[in-house]
Amino acid sequence: MVATDPNWAEQVTAIATAVGAIGLLGAIIAAIFAGQQVAEARQSRQAVLAADFFRRWDDHDLVETRRLVGQFRSRDELAAAFRRYIADNSAEAFVLYRELDYFEQLAALEHEGAFDFNLIKLLLGRTLVARWEMWQPSIAAMPGDGYPMFGGLVEKMRAALTAPTP
């Protein structure tokens, strides 16, 4: 057989294929880079949101709530007082609601992906479960399904805390 040199059409096709492959490779690299940028931006946004949210725990309003809660010797005593405060529509009821609302908001943010669960586990972990247990009689006395997101986050946290670590 006689070898023949490729004609101009074959040469153009080969060059176009090589250029297309290089272009496709560049597009894939750009997509990967863009994906990394989006992930980094999301992590940054989550970190700022988390820092602000967890800073609220030490703000005056929630410190006032924790001081009020700390005056009760047991969770049942807290529940009885909370029921009285609610019935009297007293300011103390609204002070106590702050902590419950705080944890409900935290749970909603985690549920919607605004907070990473592992970050909550690292920063609150057993404290979250302990606060739920302390508030449980008060929540149980409320009409309806009080603070369901808070309860769901606590169940998820309990599972994570009891799961064996790899």
Protein backbone atom coordinates (compact mmCIF):
# COMPACT_ATOMS: atom_id res chain seq x y z
CA MET A 1 0.00 0.00 0.00
CA VAL A 2 1.10 3.43 -0.79
CA ALA A 3 0.99 5.92 2.06
CA THR A 4 -0.64 9.17 1.18
CA ASP A 5 -0.34 12.42 3.01
CA PRO A 6 -3.55 13.67 4.61
CA ASN A 7 -5.41 16.13 2.49
CA TRP A 8 -6.28 19.65 3.63
CA ALA A 9 -9.80 18.65 4.84
CA GLU A 10 -8.36 16.01 7.16
CA GLN A 11 -5.78 18.47 8.46
CA VAL A 12 -8.43 21.12 9.19
CA THR A 13 -10.63 18.53 10.90
CA ALA A 14 -7.73 17.36 13.08
CA ILE A 15 -6.82 20.92 14.05
CA ALA A 16 -10.47 21.82 14.79
CA THR A 17 -10.82 18.68 16.94
CA ALA A 18 -7.67 19.56 18.91
CA VAL A 19 -8.84 23.16 19.41
CA GLY A 20 -12.28 21.92 20.50
CA ALA A 21 -10.74 19.51 22.99
CA ILE A 22 -8.58 22.28 24.45
CA GLY A 23 -11.63 24.54 24.66
CA LEU A 24 -13.66 21.80 26.39
CA LEU A 25 -10.83 21.21 28.86
CA GLY A 26 -10.70 24.95 29.58
CA ALA A 27 -14.47 25.06 30.14
CA ILE A 28 -14.28 22.11 32.55
CA ILE A 29 -11.45 23.75 34.51
CA ALA A 30 -13.41 27.03 34.62
CA ALA A 31 -16.51 25.22 35.89
CA ILE A 32 -14.51 23.49 38.62
CA PHE A 33 -12.94 26.79 39.65
CA ALA A 34 -16.35 28.50 39.69
CA GLY A 35 -17.77 25.70 41.82
CA GLN A 36 -14.94 26.11 44.31
CA GLN A 37 -15.54 29.85 44.42
CA VAL A 38 -19.24 29.31 45.12
CA ALA A 39 -18.43 26.83 47.90
CA GLU A 40 -15.91 29.22 49.46
CA ALA A 41 -18.38 32.11 49.27
CA ARG A 42 -21.06 29.97 50.91
CA GLN A 43 -18.68 28.93 53.70
CA SER A 44 -17.71 32.55 54.23
CA ARG A 45 -21.35 33.63 54.37
CA GLN A 46 -22.16 30.81 56.80
CA ALA A 47 -19.22 31.75 59.02
CA VAL A 48 -20.33 35.39 59.24
CA LEU A 49 -23.94 34.39 59.90
CA ALA A 50 -22.88 31.83 62.52
CA ALA A 51 -20.57 34.26 64.28
CA ASP A 52 -23.34 36.84 64.50
CA PHE A 53 -25.93 34.30 65.61
CA PHE A 54 -23.76 32.73 68.28
CA ARG A 55 -22.68 36.18 69.49
CA ARG A 56 -26.35 36.79 70.32
CA TRP A 57 -26.10 34.06 72.97
CA ASP A 58 -23.92 36.43 75.02
CA ASP A 59 -25.89 39.60 74.25
CA HIS A 60 -27.69 41.34 77.09
CA ASP A 61 -31.16 39.98 76.21
CA LEU A 62 -30.23 36.30 76.27
CA VAL A 63 -28.00 36.76 79.31
CA GLU A 64 -31.02 38.28 81.06
CA THR A 65 -33.05 35.24 80.05
CA ARG A 66 -30.44 32.79 81.31
CA ARG A 67 -30.24 34.69 84.62
CA LEU A 68 -34.00 34.43 85.02
CA VAL A 69 -33.94 30.72 84.14
CA GLY A 70 -31.09 30.18 86.60
CA GLN A 71 -33.26 31.38 89.47
CA PHE A 72 -35.36 28.22 89.31
CA ARG A 73 -34.19 25.11 91.15
CA SER A 74 -35.68 22.62 88.71
CA ARG A 75 -37.20 22.37 85.29
CA ASP A 76 -40.62 21.75 86.88
CA GLU A 77 -40.32 24.93 88.91
CA LEU A 78 -39.40 26.77 85.71
CA ALA A 79 -42.42 25.30 83.92
CA ALA A 80 -44.80 26.31 86.73
CA ALA A 81 -43.44 29.85 86.80
CA PHE A 82 -43.51 30.10 83.01
CA ARG A 83 -47.16 29.05 82.95
CA ARG A 84 -47.95 31.74 85.56
CA TYR A 85 -46.02 34.36 83.59
CA ILE A 86 -47.89 33.47 80.42
CA ALA A 87 -51.27 33.51 82.18
CA ASP A 88 -50.48 36.93 83.68
CA ASN A 89 -49.05 38.20 80.37
CA SER A 90 -46.05 39.38 82.37
CA ALA A 91 -42.80 40.73 81.01
CA GLU A 92 -41.00 37.68 82.40
CA ALA A 93 -42.88 35.45 79.96
CA PHE A 94 -41.49 37.40 77.02
CA VAL A 95 -38.00 37.33 78.53
CA LEU A 96 -38.22 33.53 78.78
CA TYR A 97 -39.57 33.17 75.24
CA ARG A 98 -36.30 34.68 73.97
CA GLU A 99 -34.30 31.52 74.57
CA LEU A 100 -36.92 29.23 73.07
CA ASP A 101 -37.19 31.49 70.03
CA TYR A 102 -33.40 31.60 69.72
CA PHE A 103 -33.14 27.82 69.51
CA GLU A 104 -36.14 27.56 67.19
CA GLN A 105 -34.49 30.07 64.83
CA LEU A 106 -31.19 28.19 65.02
CA ALA A 107 -32.97 24.96 64.13
CA ALA A 108 -34.80 26.58 61.22
CA LEU A 109 -31.55 28.00 59.86
CA GLU A 110 -29.87 24.61 60.12
CA HIS A 111 -32.86 22.93 58.47
CA GLU A 112 -32.69 25.35 55.53
CA GLY A 113 -28.93 24.87 55.11
CA ALA A 114 -27.89 28.30 56.37
CA PHE A 115 -25.91 26.67 59.20
CA ASP A 116 -23.76 23.60 59.07
CA PHE A 117 -24.93 20.99 61.58
CA ASN A 118 -21.34 20.06 62.49
CA LEU A 119 -20.66 23.67 63.46
CA ILE A 120 -23.68 23.63 65.77
CA LYS A 121 -22.48 20.32 67.19
CA LEU A 122 -19.03 21.74 67.87
CA LEU A 123 -20.28 24.98 69.43
CA LEU A 124 -23.36 23.79 71.33
CA GLY A 125 -23.54 19.99 71.25
CA ARG A 126 -24.61 18.76 74.68
CA THR A 127 -25.63 22.27 75.77
CA LEU A 128 -28.38 22.23 73.15
CA VAL A 129 -29.68 18.90 74.48
CA ALA A 130 -29.45 20.09 78.10
CA ARG A 131 -31.37 23.28 77.34
CA TRP A 132 -34.09 21.27 75.57
CA GLU A 133 -34.39 18.92 78.53
CA MET A 134 -34.66 21.87 80.89
CA TRP A 135 -37.36 23.50 78.74
CA GLN A 136 -39.23 20.28 77.94
CA PRO A 137 -41.91 20.55 80.70
CA SER A 138 -42.57 24.17 79.75
CA ILE A 139 -42.86 23.32 76.05
CA ALA A 140 -45.08 20.31 76.78
CA ALA A 141 -47.51 22.56 78.67
CA MET A 142 -47.91 24.88 75.68
CA PRO A 143 -50.89 24.42 73.39
CA GLY A 144 -50.12 22.84 70.02
CA ASP A 145 -46.76 21.59 68.86
CA GLY A 146 -44.47 24.11 70.54
CA TYR A 147 -41.04 24.62 69.07
CA PRO A 148 -40.94 21.67 66.65
CA MET A 149 -37.76 22.78 64.88
CA PHE A 150 -35.91 23.03 68.19
CA GLY A 151 -37.11 19.52 69.09
CA GLY A 152 -36.05 18.16 65.72
CA LEU A 153 -32.59 19.66 66.00
CA VAL A 154 -32.22 18.16 69.48
CA GLU A 155 -33.14 14.69 68.18
CA LYS A 156 -30.60 15.06 65.40
CA MET A 157 -28.00 16.22 67.92
CA ARG A 158 -28.71 13.30 70.27
CA ALA A 159 -28.20 10.89 67.40
CA ALA A 160 -24.96 12.58 66.40
CA LEU A 161 -23.64 12.63 69.96
CA THR A 162 -24.38 8.94 70.55
CA ALA A 163 -23.15 7.75 67.15
CA PRO A 164 -19.76 6.04 67.21
CA THR A 165 -17.00 8.22 65.82
CA PRO A 166 -14.98 6.74 62.98
